[in-house]
N, C-alpha and C. Protein backbone atom coordinates (compact mmCIF):
# COMPACT_ATOMS: atom_id res chain seq x y z
N MET A 1 6.02 -4.30 18.57
CA MET A 1 6.59 -3.84 17.33
C MET A 1 8.11 -3.68 17.49
N ARG A 2 8.78 -3.93 16.42
CA ARG A 2 10.22 -3.76 16.43
C ARG A 2 10.60 -2.31 16.21
N ASN A 3 11.72 -1.91 16.74
CA ASN A 3 12.27 -0.58 16.52
C ASN A 3 13.55 -0.72 15.73
N TYR A 4 13.74 0.18 14.77
CA TYR A 4 14.95 0.19 13.99
C TYR A 4 15.60 1.56 14.12
N PRO A 5 16.86 1.62 14.50
CA PRO A 5 17.51 2.92 14.59
C PRO A 5 17.76 3.49 13.19
N LEU A 6 17.58 4.79 13.08
CA LEU A 6 17.91 5.46 11.83
C LEU A 6 19.37 5.88 11.89
N PRO A 7 20.11 5.78 10.81
CA PRO A 7 21.55 6.00 10.86
C PRO A 7 22.00 7.43 11.14
N LYS A 8 21.20 8.45 10.83
CA LYS A 8 21.68 9.82 10.93
C LYS A 8 21.46 10.48 12.29
N ASN A 9 20.63 9.88 13.14
CA ASN A 9 20.40 10.47 14.46
C ASN A 9 19.95 9.37 15.42
N ASP A 10 19.50 9.77 16.58
CA ASP A 10 19.13 8.80 17.60
C ASP A 10 17.66 8.37 17.53
N ARG A 11 16.91 8.85 16.56
CA ARG A 11 15.50 8.46 16.44
C ARG A 11 15.37 6.98 16.11
N THR A 12 14.26 6.41 16.50
CA THR A 12 13.94 5.05 16.09
C THR A 12 12.66 5.10 15.28
N ILE A 13 12.49 4.12 14.45
CA ILE A 13 11.30 4.05 13.62
C ILE A 13 10.58 2.74 13.91
N GLU A 14 9.27 2.82 14.06
CA GLU A 14 8.45 1.65 14.36
C GLU A 14 8.13 0.90 13.07
N THR A 15 7.97 -0.40 13.19
CA THR A 15 7.57 -1.23 12.05
C THR A 15 6.25 -0.73 11.48
N ARG A 16 5.33 -0.33 12.35
CA ARG A 16 4.04 0.18 11.91
C ARG A 16 4.20 1.43 11.03
N ASP A 17 5.14 2.29 11.40
CA ASP A 17 5.38 3.49 10.60
C ASP A 17 5.86 3.14 9.20
N VAL A 18 6.73 2.16 9.11
CA VAL A 18 7.23 1.72 7.80
C VAL A 18 6.08 1.15 6.97
N ALA A 19 5.23 0.34 7.59
CA ALA A 19 4.10 -0.25 6.88
C ALA A 19 3.14 0.83 6.40
N GLU A 20 2.88 1.84 7.21
CA GLU A 20 2.00 2.93 6.80
C GLU A 20 2.58 3.70 5.62
N TYR A 21 3.88 3.95 5.66
CA TYR A 21 4.55 4.64 4.56
C TYR A 21 4.48 3.80 3.29
N CYS A 22 4.72 2.52 3.41
CA CYS A 22 4.66 1.62 2.24
C CYS A 22 3.25 1.62 1.65
N ALA A 23 2.23 1.60 2.49
CA ALA A 23 0.85 1.63 2.00
C ALA A 23 0.59 2.90 1.21
N LYS A 24 1.03 4.02 1.73
CA LYS A 24 0.85 5.30 1.03
C LYS A 24 1.57 5.30 -0.31
N MET A 25 2.80 4.84 -0.33
CA MET A 25 3.57 4.84 -1.56
C MET A 25 2.98 3.87 -2.58
N CYS A 26 2.53 2.72 -2.13
CA CYS A 26 1.90 1.75 -3.05
C CYS A 26 0.65 2.33 -3.68
N ARG A 27 -0.12 3.06 -2.89
CA ARG A 27 -1.33 3.68 -3.45
C ARG A 27 -0.96 4.69 -4.53
N GLU A 28 0.03 5.53 -4.26
CA GLU A 28 0.44 6.52 -5.25
C GLU A 28 0.99 5.86 -6.51
N LEU A 29 1.80 4.83 -6.33
CA LEU A 29 2.35 4.11 -7.48
C LEU A 29 1.26 3.41 -8.27
N SER A 30 0.28 2.84 -7.57
CA SER A 30 -0.83 2.19 -8.24
C SER A 30 -1.61 3.19 -9.09
N ASP A 31 -1.87 4.35 -8.53
CA ASP A 31 -2.59 5.39 -9.29
C ASP A 31 -1.81 5.78 -10.54
N MET A 32 -0.49 5.92 -10.40
CA MET A 32 0.35 6.26 -11.55
C MET A 32 0.30 5.16 -12.61
N ALA A 33 0.44 3.92 -12.19
CA ALA A 33 0.45 2.80 -13.12
C ALA A 33 -0.88 2.71 -13.86
N ARG A 34 -1.96 2.83 -13.13
CA ARG A 34 -3.28 2.70 -13.74
C ARG A 34 -3.58 3.86 -14.68
N SER A 35 -3.05 5.04 -14.39
CA SER A 35 -3.27 6.19 -15.29
C SER A 35 -2.58 5.97 -16.63
N GLN A 36 -1.58 5.11 -16.66
CA GLN A 36 -0.87 4.79 -17.90
C GLN A 36 -1.28 3.44 -18.46
N ARG A 37 -2.42 2.93 -17.98
CA ARG A 37 -3.01 1.67 -18.45
C ARG A 37 -2.11 0.46 -18.17
N LEU A 38 -1.36 0.53 -17.11
CA LEU A 38 -0.57 -0.61 -16.63
C LEU A 38 -1.41 -1.30 -15.56
N ASP A 39 -2.50 -1.91 -16.02
CA ASP A 39 -3.52 -2.41 -15.12
C ASP A 39 -3.03 -3.52 -14.19
N LEU A 40 -2.28 -4.46 -14.70
CA LEU A 40 -1.80 -5.55 -13.84
C LEU A 40 -0.86 -5.00 -12.77
N LEU A 41 0.03 -4.12 -13.16
CA LEU A 41 0.94 -3.52 -12.18
C LEU A 41 0.16 -2.73 -11.14
N GLY A 42 -0.83 -1.96 -11.59
CA GLY A 42 -1.66 -1.20 -10.65
C GLY A 42 -2.38 -2.11 -9.68
N TYR A 43 -2.90 -3.21 -10.19
CA TYR A 43 -3.60 -4.18 -9.34
C TYR A 43 -2.66 -4.78 -8.30
N LEU A 44 -1.46 -5.17 -8.73
CA LEU A 44 -0.50 -5.75 -7.78
C LEU A 44 -0.09 -4.74 -6.71
N LEU A 45 0.02 -3.49 -7.10
CA LEU A 45 0.36 -2.46 -6.12
C LEU A 45 -0.77 -2.24 -5.13
N VAL A 46 -2.03 -2.37 -5.58
CA VAL A 46 -3.16 -2.29 -4.65
C VAL A 46 -3.09 -3.44 -3.64
N LEU A 47 -2.75 -4.63 -4.12
CA LEU A 47 -2.60 -5.76 -3.20
C LEU A 47 -1.50 -5.50 -2.18
N ALA A 48 -0.38 -4.94 -2.64
CA ALA A 48 0.72 -4.60 -1.73
C ALA A 48 0.27 -3.55 -0.72
N GLN A 49 -0.52 -2.59 -1.17
CA GLN A 49 -1.05 -1.57 -0.27
C GLN A 49 -1.91 -2.20 0.81
N LYS A 50 -2.78 -3.14 0.41
CA LYS A 50 -3.66 -3.80 1.39
C LYS A 50 -2.85 -4.59 2.41
N GLU A 51 -1.80 -5.25 1.96
CA GLU A 51 -0.95 -6.00 2.90
C GLU A 51 -0.25 -5.05 3.86
N ALA A 52 0.25 -3.94 3.36
CA ALA A 52 0.90 -2.96 4.23
C ALA A 52 -0.08 -2.39 5.24
N GLU A 53 -1.32 -2.12 4.81
CA GLU A 53 -2.34 -1.62 5.74
C GLU A 53 -2.65 -2.66 6.81
N ALA A 54 -2.70 -3.91 6.42
CA ALA A 54 -2.95 -4.98 7.40
C ALA A 54 -1.81 -5.07 8.41
N GLN A 55 -0.60 -4.92 7.95
CA GLN A 55 0.55 -4.99 8.84
C GLN A 55 0.61 -3.79 9.78
N SER A 56 0.13 -2.64 9.31
CA SER A 56 0.19 -1.44 10.14
C SER A 56 -0.98 -1.34 11.10
N GLY A 57 -1.99 -2.18 10.87
CA GLY A 57 -3.19 -2.11 11.71
C GLY A 57 -4.14 -1.04 11.24
N GLY A 58 -3.83 -0.42 10.10
CA GLY A 58 -4.70 0.61 9.55
C GLY A 58 -5.88 0.02 8.83
N LEU A 59 -6.91 0.82 8.67
CA LEU A 59 -8.10 0.38 7.94
C LEU A 59 -7.94 0.73 6.47
N PRO A 60 -8.31 -0.17 5.57
CA PRO A 60 -8.22 0.14 4.15
C PRO A 60 -9.19 1.23 3.75
N ASP A 61 -8.84 1.96 2.73
CA ASP A 61 -9.69 3.00 2.17
C ASP A 61 -10.86 2.31 1.46
N PRO A 62 -12.11 2.56 1.87
CA PRO A 62 -13.26 1.86 1.26
C PRO A 62 -13.34 2.05 -0.25
N GLU A 63 -12.97 3.22 -0.74
CA GLU A 63 -13.01 3.49 -2.17
C GLU A 63 -12.05 2.56 -2.92
N ARG A 64 -10.87 2.31 -2.35
CA ARG A 64 -9.89 1.45 -2.99
C ARG A 64 -10.35 -0.01 -2.95
N VAL A 65 -11.02 -0.42 -1.90
CA VAL A 65 -11.55 -1.78 -1.83
C VAL A 65 -12.57 -1.98 -2.94
N GLU A 66 -13.40 -0.98 -3.18
CA GLU A 66 -14.38 -1.04 -4.26
C GLU A 66 -13.67 -1.20 -5.60
N ASP A 67 -12.57 -0.45 -5.83
CA ASP A 67 -11.79 -0.57 -7.06
C ASP A 67 -11.25 -1.98 -7.23
N LEU A 68 -10.76 -2.55 -6.16
CA LEU A 68 -10.19 -3.89 -6.20
C LEU A 68 -11.27 -4.91 -6.56
N ASN A 69 -12.44 -4.79 -5.98
CA ASN A 69 -13.55 -5.70 -6.29
C ASN A 69 -13.99 -5.57 -7.73
N THR A 70 -14.03 -4.37 -8.25
CA THR A 70 -14.44 -4.12 -9.63
C THR A 70 -13.44 -4.76 -10.60
N GLU A 71 -12.15 -4.61 -10.32
CA GLU A 71 -11.13 -5.15 -11.20
C GLU A 71 -11.19 -6.66 -11.27
N THR A 72 -11.38 -7.32 -10.14
CA THR A 72 -11.39 -8.77 -10.15
C THR A 72 -12.61 -9.31 -10.89
N SER A 73 -13.74 -8.61 -10.81
CA SER A 73 -14.93 -9.09 -11.51
C SER A 73 -14.83 -8.84 -13.02
N GLU A 74 -14.09 -7.81 -13.43
CA GLU A 74 -13.93 -7.52 -14.85
C GLU A 74 -13.04 -8.54 -15.54
N THR A 75 -12.08 -9.10 -14.82
CA THR A 75 -11.13 -10.03 -15.42
C THR A 75 -11.68 -11.44 -15.52
N ASP A 76 -12.82 -11.72 -14.85
CA ASP A 76 -13.40 -13.06 -14.88
C ASP A 76 -14.17 -13.32 -16.15
């Protein structure tokens, strides 16, 4: 994994940490979008969350995978 220095101190941040943070933020944004009936935006944010989880090596939330499967079958 790559390390990136943070500008304000000597800490470094791992690529995995960034991916985990992005996954968390995408999930929160997806929930917000879907609560306002912005379904396509919510769906795209779920996809971004899944990609971030894959990059971080984290396991996807099974409940969110179920949501993703439901959405794709509804649009067909």
